[in-house]
């Protein structure tokens, strides 16, 4: 069956439509506590976000994904639209975390979905669709960052800081100005520390801590064994702790 061509403008238009839902990528929960009795040290638990009320879309229907892929390959354009709507936030969120800029993340997401659209006929339906999609997203995001000179951290737009936590423009009513400023500085330093990791260590850290993927799922995305994922994640956390400690923070 002949299918209509899906143009970049069509995908990009859908990505920027209803901008609200994709403005805030999934985040690493960063809790900051000032401890005067420890010389002003900041304790930073580096842990995954634990908002279990928002179940990951991937958990609900791996089988449904495969059915939609098969339907699309049979000529059902609506099946691809379903997959697009289901995963567009995830793709944007992952790309945003690597490229650290809204417009660039939208460009990457557009390219990812175009590649998926064109390559679905090569997808092996015994695999998980979302790990295949994440692999394409991560690879394209890394390629993008490599093809571009690193963005300076100073003057980085506020939206990039949001990738490390809840929207930074909002301050809790009881939060003192000094505490608020300290938290913002922490977020910038944490972004710097994460960005200093090698690609392979940054990928596993982001996928596990931000996207809440299991070791097995990460292994499927990056194409290695579970032991390698665990080793890279351990190293990434160790390097982050060292980096933050050198900045005067006390990770825990």
C-alpha atoms as a PDB file:
ATOM      1  CA  UNK A   1       0.000   0.000   0.000  1.00  0.00           C
ATOM      2  CA  UNK A   2       1.315   3.444  -0.888  1.00  0.00           C
ATOM      3  CA  UNK A   3       1.817   5.634   2.133  1.00  0.00           C
ATOM      4  CA  UNK A   4       2.014   9.411   2.278  1.00  0.00           C
ATOM      5  CA  UNK A   5       5.459  10.883   2.782  1.00  0.00           C
ATOM      6  CA  UNK A   6       6.093  12.079   6.320  1.00  0.00           C
ATOM      7  CA  UNK A   7       7.952  15.355   5.934  1.00  0.00           C
ATOM      8  CA  UNK A   8      10.296  16.981   8.485  1.00  0.00           C
ATOM      9  CA  UNK A   9       7.829  19.850   8.749  1.00  0.00           C
ATOM     10  CA  UNK A  10       5.032  17.453   9.665  1.00  0.00           C
ATOM     11  CA  UNK A  11       7.005  15.806  12.463  1.00  0.00           C
ATOM     12  CA  UNK A  12       8.477  19.054  13.739  1.00  0.00           C
ATOM     13  CA  UNK A  13       5.047  20.649  13.737  1.00  0.00           C
ATOM     14  CA  UNK A  14       3.729  17.822  15.863  1.00  0.00           C
ATOM     15  CA  UNK A  15       6.688  18.104  18.230  1.00  0.00           C
ATOM     16  CA  UNK A  16       6.191  21.789  18.888  1.00  0.00           C
ATOM     17  CA  UNK A  17       2.405  21.484  18.979  1.00  0.00           C
ATOM     18  CA  UNK A  18       1.157  21.494  22.550  1.00  0.00           C
ATOM     19  CA  UNK A  19       4.587  22.635  23.690  1.00  0.00           C
ATOM     20  CA  UNK A  20       3.657  22.313  27.336  1.00  0.00           C
ATOM     21  CA  UNK A  21       3.885  18.511  27.631  1.00  0.00           C
ATOM     22  CA  UNK A  22       7.423  18.371  26.238  1.00  0.00           C
ATOM     23  CA  UNK A  23       8.837  21.458  27.894  1.00  0.00           C
ATOM     24  CA  UNK A  24       9.996  19.653  31.026  1.00  0.00           C
ATOM     25  CA  UNK A  25      12.067  16.535  30.359  1.00  0.00           C
ATOM     26  CA  UNK A  26      12.196  13.830  32.993  1.00  0.00           C
ATOM     27  CA  UNK A  27      14.569  14.901  35.699  1.00  0.00           C
ATOM     28  CA  UNK A  28      17.104  13.720  38.198  1.00  0.00           C
ATOM     29  CA  UNK A  29      15.748  14.448  41.637  1.00  0.00           C
ATOM     30  CA  UNK A  30      18.408  16.553  43.359  1.00  0.00           C
ATOM     31  CA  UNK A  31      17.804  17.189  47.031  1.00  0.00           C
ATOM     32  CA  UNK A  32      19.931  19.889  48.579  1.00  0.00           C
ATOM     33  CA  UNK A  33      20.519  20.272  52.293  1.00  0.00           C
ATOM     34  CA  UNK A  34      22.718  22.936  53.834  1.00  0.00           C
ATOM     35  CA  UNK A  35      24.551  21.757  56.937  1.00  0.00           C
ATOM     36  CA  UNK A  36      26.110  24.649  58.853  1.00  0.00           C
ATOM     37  CA  UNK A  37      27.595  22.306  61.455  1.00  0.00           C
ATOM     38  CA  UNK A  38      29.648  20.709  58.692  1.00  0.00           C
ATOM     39  CA  UNK A  39      31.151  23.932  57.517  1.00  0.00           C
ATOM     40  CA  UNK A  40      28.383  24.685  55.070  1.00  0.00           C
ATOM     41  CA  UNK A  41      28.666  21.383  53.221  1.00  0.00           C
ATOM     42  CA  UNK A  42      25.897  20.459  50.811  1.00  0.00           C
ATOM     43  CA  UNK A  43      24.657  16.891  50.875  1.00  0.00           C
ATOM     44  CA  UNK A  44      23.598  15.641  47.445  1.00  0.00           C
ATOM     45  CA  UNK A  45      21.936  12.231  47.228  1.00  0.00           C
ATOM     46  CA  UNK A  46      22.559  11.075  43.656  1.00  0.00           C
ATOM     47  CA  UNK A  47      19.521   8.837  43.246  1.00  0.00           C
ATOM     48  CA  UNK A  48      16.914   8.148  40.552  1.00  0.00           C
ATOM     49  CA  UNK A  49      13.730  10.169  40.550  1.00  0.00           C
ATOM     50  CA  UNK A  50      11.177   8.076  42.439  1.00  0.00           C
ATOM     51  CA  UNK A  51       7.849   9.484  41.296  1.00  0.00           C
ATOM     52  CA  UNK A  52       6.029   6.178  40.919  1.00  0.00           C
ATOM     53  CA  UNK A  53       2.738   7.900  40.128  1.00  0.00           C
ATOM     54  CA  UNK A  54       4.042   8.592  36.651  1.00  0.00           C
ATOM     55  CA  UNK A  55       4.650   5.126  35.303  1.00  0.00           C
ATOM     56  CA  UNK A  56       6.886   4.955  32.300  1.00  0.00           C
ATOM     57  CA  UNK A  57       4.927   4.486  29.107  1.00  0.00           C
ATOM     58  CA  UNK A  58       7.155   1.586  28.141  1.00  0.00           C
ATOM     59  CA  UNK A  59       5.915  -0.468  31.128  1.00  0.00           C
ATOM     60  CA  UNK A  60       2.337  -0.538  29.921  1.00  0.00           C
ATOM     61  CA  UNK A  61       2.496  -2.158  26.519  1.00  0.00           C
ATOM     62  CA  UNK A  62       5.527  -3.697  24.841  1.00  0.00           C
ATOM     63  CA  UNK A  63       3.128  -6.018  23.047  1.00  0.00           C
ATOM     64  CA  UNK A  64       0.998  -3.074  21.969  1.00  0.00           C
ATOM     65  CA  UNK A  65       4.084  -1.437  20.459  1.00  0.00           C
ATOM     66  CA  UNK A  66       4.792  -4.512  18.365  1.00  0.00           C
ATOM     67  CA  UNK A  67       1.192  -4.671  17.195  1.00  0.00           C
ATOM     68  CA  UNK A  68       1.396  -1.015  16.156  1.00  0.00           C
ATOM     69  CA  UNK A  69       4.658  -1.600  14.297  1.00  0.00           C
ATOM     70  CA  UNK A  70       3.095  -4.488  12.388  1.00  0.00           C
ATOM     71  CA  UNK A  71       0.019  -2.392  11.643  1.00  0.00           C
ATOM     72  CA  UNK A  72       2.182   0.436  10.313  1.00  0.00           C
ATOM     73  CA  UNK A  73       4.118  -1.928   8.084  1.00  0.00           C
ATOM     74  CA  UNK A  74       0.779  -3.123   6.742  1.00  0.00           C
ATOM     75  CA  UNK A  75      -0.055   0.448   5.734  1.00  0.00           C
ATOM     76  CA  UNK A  76      -1.760   1.910   8.803  1.00  0.00           C
ATOM     77  CA  UNK A  77      -0.338   5.437   9.198  1.00  0.00           C
ATOM     78  CA  UNK A  78      -2.338   5.945  12.398  1.00  0.00           C
ATOM     79  CA  UNK A  79      -0.228   3.237  14.036  1.00  0.00           C
ATOM     80  CA  UNK A  80       2.909   5.326  13.596  1.00  0.00           C
ATOM     81  CA  UNK A  81       1.122   8.395  14.912  1.00  0.00           C
ATOM     82  CA  UNK A  82       0.253   6.380  18.018  1.00  0.00           C
ATOM     83  CA  UNK A  83       3.905   5.450  18.587  1.00  0.00           C
ATOM     84  CA  UNK A  84       4.967   9.032  17.932  1.00  0.00           C
ATOM     85  CA  UNK A  85       2.560  10.437  20.506  1.00  0.00           C
ATOM     86  CA  UNK A  86       3.508   7.763  22.999  1.00  0.00           C
ATOM     87  CA  UNK A  87       7.256   8.322  22.848  1.00  0.00           C
ATOM     88  CA  UNK A  88       7.788  11.905  21.713  1.00  0.00           C
ATOM     89  CA  UNK A  89       8.281  13.170  25.271  1.00  0.00           C
ATOM     90  CA  UNK A  90      10.841  10.459  26.023  1.00  0.00           C
ATOM     91  CA  UNK A  91      12.782  11.119  22.833  1.00  0.00           C
ATOM     92  CA  UNK A  92      12.778  14.861  23.412  1.00  0.00           C
ATOM     93  CA  UNK A  93      13.767  14.407  27.066  1.00  0.00           C
ATOM     94  CA  UNK A  94      16.717  12.153  26.289  1.00  0.00           C
ATOM     95  CA  UNK A  95      18.004  14.342  23.472  1.00  0.00           C
ATOM     96  CA  UNK A  96      17.583  17.457  25.623  1.00  0.00           C
ATOM     97  CA  UNK A  97      19.719  15.965  28.363  1.00  0.00           C
ATOM     98  CA  UNK A  98      22.609  15.479  25.949  1.00  0.00           C
ATOM     99  CA  UNK A  99      22.363  18.583  23.746  1.00  0.00           C
ATOM    100  CA  UNK A 100      21.215  20.954  26.554  1.00  0.00           C
ATOM    101  CA  UNK A 101      19.174  23.243  24.326  1.00  0.00           C
ATOM    102  CA  UNK A 102      15.459  23.212  23.513  1.00  0.00           C
ATOM    103  CA  UNK A 103      15.648  23.952  19.806  1.00  0.00           C
ATOM    104  CA  UNK A 104      18.532  21.543  19.250  1.00  0.00           C
ATOM    105  CA  UNK A 105      16.638  18.838  21.155  1.00  0.00           C
ATOM    106  CA  UNK A 106      13.605  19.402  18.936  1.00  0.00           C
ATOM    107  CA  UNK A 107      15.821  19.096  15.854  1.00  0.00           C
ATOM    108  CA  UNK A 108      17.307  15.851  17.150  1.00  0.00           C
ATOM    109  CA  UNK A 109      13.863  14.469  18.009  1.00  0.00           C
ATOM    110  CA  UNK A 110      12.658  15.325  14.509  1.00  0.00           C
ATOM    111  CA  UNK A 111      15.573  13.453  12.950  1.00  0.00           C
ATOM    112  CA  UNK A 112      15.027  10.481  15.256  1.00  0.00           C
ATOM    113  CA  UNK A 113      11.388  10.039  14.268  1.00  0.00           C
ATOM    114  CA  UNK A 114      12.186  10.466  10.590  1.00  0.00           C
ATOM    115  CA  UNK A 115      14.821   7.743  10.879  1.00  0.00           C
ATOM    116  CA  UNK A 116      12.409   5.511  12.764  1.00  0.00           C
ATOM    117  CA  UNK A 117       9.756   6.061  10.098  1.00  0.00           C
ATOM    118  CA  UNK A 118      12.189   5.108   7.366  1.00  0.00           C
ATOM    119  CA  UNK A 119      13.818   2.191   9.214  1.00  0.00           C
ATOM    120  CA  UNK A 120      10.827   0.443  10.789  1.00  0.00           C
ATOM    121  CA  UNK A 121      10.828  -2.149   8.032  1.00  0.00           C
ATOM    122  CA  UNK A 122      14.217  -3.298   9.385  1.00  0.00           C
ATOM    123  CA  UNK A 123      13.007  -3.541  12.980  1.00  0.00           C
ATOM    124  CA  UNK A 124      12.955  -7.074  14.379  1.00  0.00           C
ATOM    125  CA  UNK A 125       9.622  -7.510  16.111  1.00  0.00           C
ATOM    126  CA  UNK A 126      11.035  -9.987  18.633  1.00  0.00           C
ATOM    127  CA  UNK A 127      12.900  -7.027  20.162  1.00  0.00           C
ATOM    128  CA  UNK A 128      11.470  -4.257  22.311  1.00  0.00           C
ATOM    129  CA  UNK A 129      10.487  -1.239  20.271  1.00  0.00           C
ATOM    130  CA  UNK A 130      11.357   1.294  22.948  1.00  0.00           C
ATOM    131  CA  UNK A 131      14.953   0.057  23.415  1.00  0.00           C
ATOM    132  CA  UNK A 132      15.456   0.237  19.648  1.00  0.00           C
ATOM    133  CA  UNK A 133      14.006   3.753  19.637  1.00  0.00           C
ATOM    134  CA  UNK A 134      16.175   4.811  22.587  1.00  0.00           C
ATOM    135  CA  UNK A 135      19.281   3.470  20.837  1.00  0.00           C
ATOM    136  CA  UNK A 136      18.566   5.644  17.813  1.00  0.00           C
ATOM    137  CA  UNK A 137      17.886   8.632  20.076  1.00  0.00           C
ATOM    138  CA  UNK A 138      21.078   8.247  22.094  1.00  0.00           C
ATOM    139  CA  UNK A 139      23.240   7.707  19.018  1.00  0.00           C
ATOM    140  CA  UNK A 140      21.805  10.734  17.230  1.00  0.00           C
ATOM    141  CA  UNK A 141      22.148  12.902  20.341  1.00  0.00           C
ATOM    142  CA  UNK A 142      25.784  11.904  20.795  1.00  0.00           C
ATOM    143  CA  UNK A 143      26.503  12.481  17.097  1.00  0.00           C
ATOM    144  CA  UNK A 144      24.964  15.933  17.397  1.00  0.00           C
ATOM    145  CA  UNK A 145      27.081  16.911  20.401  1.00  0.00           C
ATOM    146  CA  UNK A 146      30.222  15.655  18.691  1.00  0.00           C
ATOM    147  CA  UNK A 147      29.505  17.661  15.556  1.00  0.00           C
ATOM    148  CA  UNK A 148      29.160  20.854  17.514  1.00  0.00           C
ATOM    149  CA  UNK A 149      31.562  22.695  19.724  1.00  0.00           C
ATOM    150  CA  UNK A 150      30.704  22.387  23.400  1.00  0.00           C
ATOM    151  CA  UNK A 151      28.375  25.066  24.643  1.00  0.00           C
ATOM    152  CA  UNK A 152      29.832  27.249  27.407  1.00  0.00           C
ATOM    153  CA  UNK A 153      28.252  26.573  30.766  1.00  0.00           C
ATOM    154  CA  UNK A 154      28.224  30.251  31.669  1.00  0.00           C
ATOM    155  CA  UNK A 155      25.151  31.906  30.264  1.00  0.00           C
ATOM    156  CA  UNK A 156      23.490  28.550  29.632  1.00  0.00           C
ATOM    157  CA  UNK A 157      19.784  29.082  29.240  1.00  0.00           C
ATOM    158  CA  UNK A 158      17.578  28.357  32.201  1.00  0.00           C
ATOM    159  CA  UNK A 159      15.776  25.636  30.289  1.00  0.00           C
ATOM    160  CA  UNK A 160      18.955  23.568  30.215  1.00  0.00           C
ATOM    161  CA  UNK A 161      19.223  23.776  33.979  1.00  0.00           C
ATOM    162  CA  UNK A 162      15.730  22.336  34.223  1.00  0.00           C
ATOM    163  CA  UNK A 163      17.053  19.087  32.815  1.00  0.00           C
ATOM    164  CA  UNK A 164      18.683  18.455  36.185  1.00  0.00           C
ATOM    165  CA  UNK A 165      15.662  19.098  38.324  1.00  0.00           C
ATOM    166  CA  UNK A 166      12.323  20.716  38.733  1.00  0.00           C
ATOM    167  CA  UNK A 167      11.834  24.061  36.922  1.00  0.00           C
ATOM    168  CA  UNK A 168      14.386  26.457  38.343  1.00  0.00           C
ATOM    169  CA  UNK A 169      12.318  29.585  37.838  1.00  0.00           C
ATOM    170  CA  UNK A 170      10.061  28.628  40.718  1.00  0.00           C
ATOM    171  CA  UNK A 171      11.164  29.051  44.285  1.00  0.00           C
ATOM    172  CA  UNK A 172       9.403  27.451  47.238  1.00  0.00           C
ATOM    173  CA  UNK A 173       7.717  30.166  49.358  1.00  0.00           C
ATOM    174  CA  UNK A 174       9.825  29.334  52.398  1.00  0.00           C
ATOM    175  CA  UNK A 175      13.108  29.082  50.509  1.00  0.00           C
ATOM    176  CA  UNK A 176      15.534  31.834  51.480  1.00  0.00           C
ATOM    177  CA  UNK A 177      17.315  33.763  48.697  1.00  0.00           C
ATOM    178  CA  UNK A 178      20.713  32.465  49.799  1.00  0.00           C
ATOM    179  CA  UNK A 179      19.498  28.872  49.802  1.00  0.00           C
ATOM    180  CA  UNK A 180      17.889  29.367  46.401  1.00  0.00           C
ATOM    181  CA  UNK A 181      21.106  30.795  44.944  1.00  0.00           C
ATOM    182  CA  UNK A 182      23.090  27.916  46.414  1.00  0.00           C
ATOM    183  CA  UNK A 183      20.749  25.387  44.836  1.00  0.00           C
ATOM    184  CA  UNK A 184      21.067  27.059  41.438  1.00  0.00           C
ATOM    185  CA  UNK A 185      24.833  26.983  41.701  1.00  0.00           C
ATOM    186  CA  UNK A 186      24.647  23.314  42.604  1.00  0.00           C
ATOM    187  CA  UNK A 187      22.545  22.522  39.554  1.00  0.00           C
ATOM    188  CA  UNK A 188      25.021  24.240  37.269  1.00  0.00           C
ATOM    189  CA  UNK A 189      27.943  22.427  38.867  1.00  0.00           C
ATOM    190  CA  UNK A 190      26.113  19.118  38.634  1.00  0.00           C
ATOM    191  CA  UNK A 191      25.467  19.720  34.924  1.00  0.00           C
ATOM    192  CA  UNK A 192      29.132  20.466  34.462  1.00  0.00           C
ATOM    193  CA  UNK A 193      30.104  17.270  36.271  1.00  0.00           C
ATOM    194  CA  UNK A 194      27.716  15.129  34.211  1.00  0.00           C
ATOM    195  CA  UNK A 195      28.895  16.728  30.968  1.00  0.00           C
ATOM    196  CA  UNK A 196      32.499  15.906  31.870  1.00  0.00           C
ATOM    197  CA  UNK A 197      31.773  12.171  31.811  1.00  0.00           C
ATOM    198  CA  UNK A 198      32.739  10.199  28.723  1.00  0.00           C
ATOM    199  CA  UNK A 199      29.925   9.372  26.307  1.00  0.00           C
ATOM    200  CA  UNK A 200      29.645   5.745  27.393  1.00  0.00           C
ATOM    201  CA  UNK A 201      29.454   6.650  31.086  1.00  0.00           C
ATOM    202  CA  UNK A 202      27.119   9.589  30.568  1.00  0.00           C
ATOM    203  CA  UNK A 203      24.731   7.409  28.549  1.00  0.00           C
ATOM    204  CA  UNK A 204      24.287   4.738  31.221  1.00  0.00           C
ATOM    205  CA  UNK A 205      23.985   7.362  33.956  1.00  0.00           C
ATOM    206  CA  UNK A 206      21.283   9.284  32.101  1.00  0.00           C
ATOM    207  CA  UNK A 207      19.320   6.195  31.073  1.00  0.00           C
ATOM    208  CA  UNK A 208      19.375   4.693  34.561  1.00  0.00           C
ATOM    209  CA  UNK A 209      19.049   7.781  36.727  1.00  0.00           C
ATOM    210  CA  UNK A 210      16.869   9.985  34.552  1.00  0.00           C
ATOM    211  CA  UNK A 211      14.924   7.493  32.441  1.00  0.00           C
ATOM    212  CA  UNK A 212      14.757   4.805  35.156  1.00  0.00           C
ATOM    213  CA  UNK A 213      15.770   1.998  32.814  1.00  0.00           C
ATOM    214  CA  UNK A 214      16.884  -1.305  34.304  1.00  0.00           C
ATOM    215  CA  UNK A 215      20.408  -2.634  33.767  1.00  0.00           C
ATOM    216  CA  UNK A 216      19.049  -5.131  31.241  1.00  0.00           C
ATOM    217  CA  UNK A 217      17.176  -2.452  29.303  1.00  0.00           C
ATOM    218  CA  UNK A 218      20.243  -0.208  29.218  1.00  0.00           C
ATOM    219  CA  UNK A 219      22.309  -3.141  27.962  1.00  0.00           C
ATOM    220  CA  UNK A 220      19.816  -3.592  25.114  1.00  0.00           C
ATOM    221  CA  UNK A 221      20.013   0.102  24.247  1.00  0.00           C
ATOM    222  CA  UNK A 222      23.800   0.427  24.220  1.00  0.00           C
ATOM    223  CA  UNK A 223      24.574  -3.086  22.954  1.00  0.00           C
ATOM    224  CA  UNK A 224      26.627  -4.521  25.802  1.00  0.00           C
ATOM    225  CA  UNK A 225      26.140  -6.959  28.675  1.00  0.00           C
ATOM    226  CA  UNK A 226      24.589  -6.176  32.055  1.00  0.00           C
ATOM    227  CA  UNK A 227      27.934  -6.437  33.842  1.00  0.00           C
ATOM    228  CA  UNK A 228      29.385  -3.714  31.636  1.00  0.00           C
ATOM    229  CA  UNK A 229      26.398  -1.469  32.339  1.00  0.00           C
ATOM    230  CA  UNK A 230      26.819  -1.925  36.097  1.00  0.00           C
ATOM    231  CA  UNK A 231      30.540  -1.225  35.862  1.00  0.00           C
ATOM    232  CA  UNK A 232      30.017   1.949  33.822  1.00  0.00           C
ATOM    233  CA  UNK A 233      27.296   3.177  36.154  1.00  0.00           C
ATOM    234  CA  UNK A 234      29.496   2.593  39.207  1.00  0.00           C
ATOM    235  CA  UNK A 235      32.340   4.488  37.541  1.00  0.00           C
ATOM    236  CA  UNK A 236      30.043   7.362  36.514  1.00  0.00           C
ATOM    237  CA  UNK A 237      28.743   7.813  40.057  1.00  0.00           C
ATOM    238  CA  UNK A 238      32.261   7.633  41.447  1.00  0.00           C
ATOM    239  CA  UNK A 239      33.505  10.309  39.032  1.00  0.00           C
ATOM    240  CA  UNK A 240      30.524  12.548  39.808  1.00  0.00           C
ATOM    241  CA  UNK A 241      31.178  12.233  43.521  1.00  0.00           C
ATOM    242  CA  UNK A 242      34.824  13.115  42.974  1.00  0.00           C
ATOM    243  CA  UNK A 243      33.940  16.104  40.787  1.00  0.00           C
ATOM    244  CA  UNK A 244      31.368  17.451  43.226  1.00  0.00           C
ATOM    245  CA  UNK A 245      33.649  16.863  46.202  1.00  0.00           C
ATOM    246  CA  UNK A 246      36.361  18.897  44.480  1.00  0.00           C
ATOM    247  CA  UNK A 247      33.811  21.727  44.192  1.00  0.00           C
ATOM    248  CA  UNK A 248      33.137  21.626  47.926  1.00  0.00           C
ATOM    249  CA  UNK A 249      30.007  19.474  47.898  1.00  0.00           C
ATOM    250  CA  UNK A 250      29.432  16.338  49.887  1.00  0.00           C
ATOM    251  CA  UNK A 251      27.651  13.700  47.764  1.00  0.00           C
ATOM    252  CA  UNK A 252      25.894  10.843  49.529  1.00  0.00           C
END
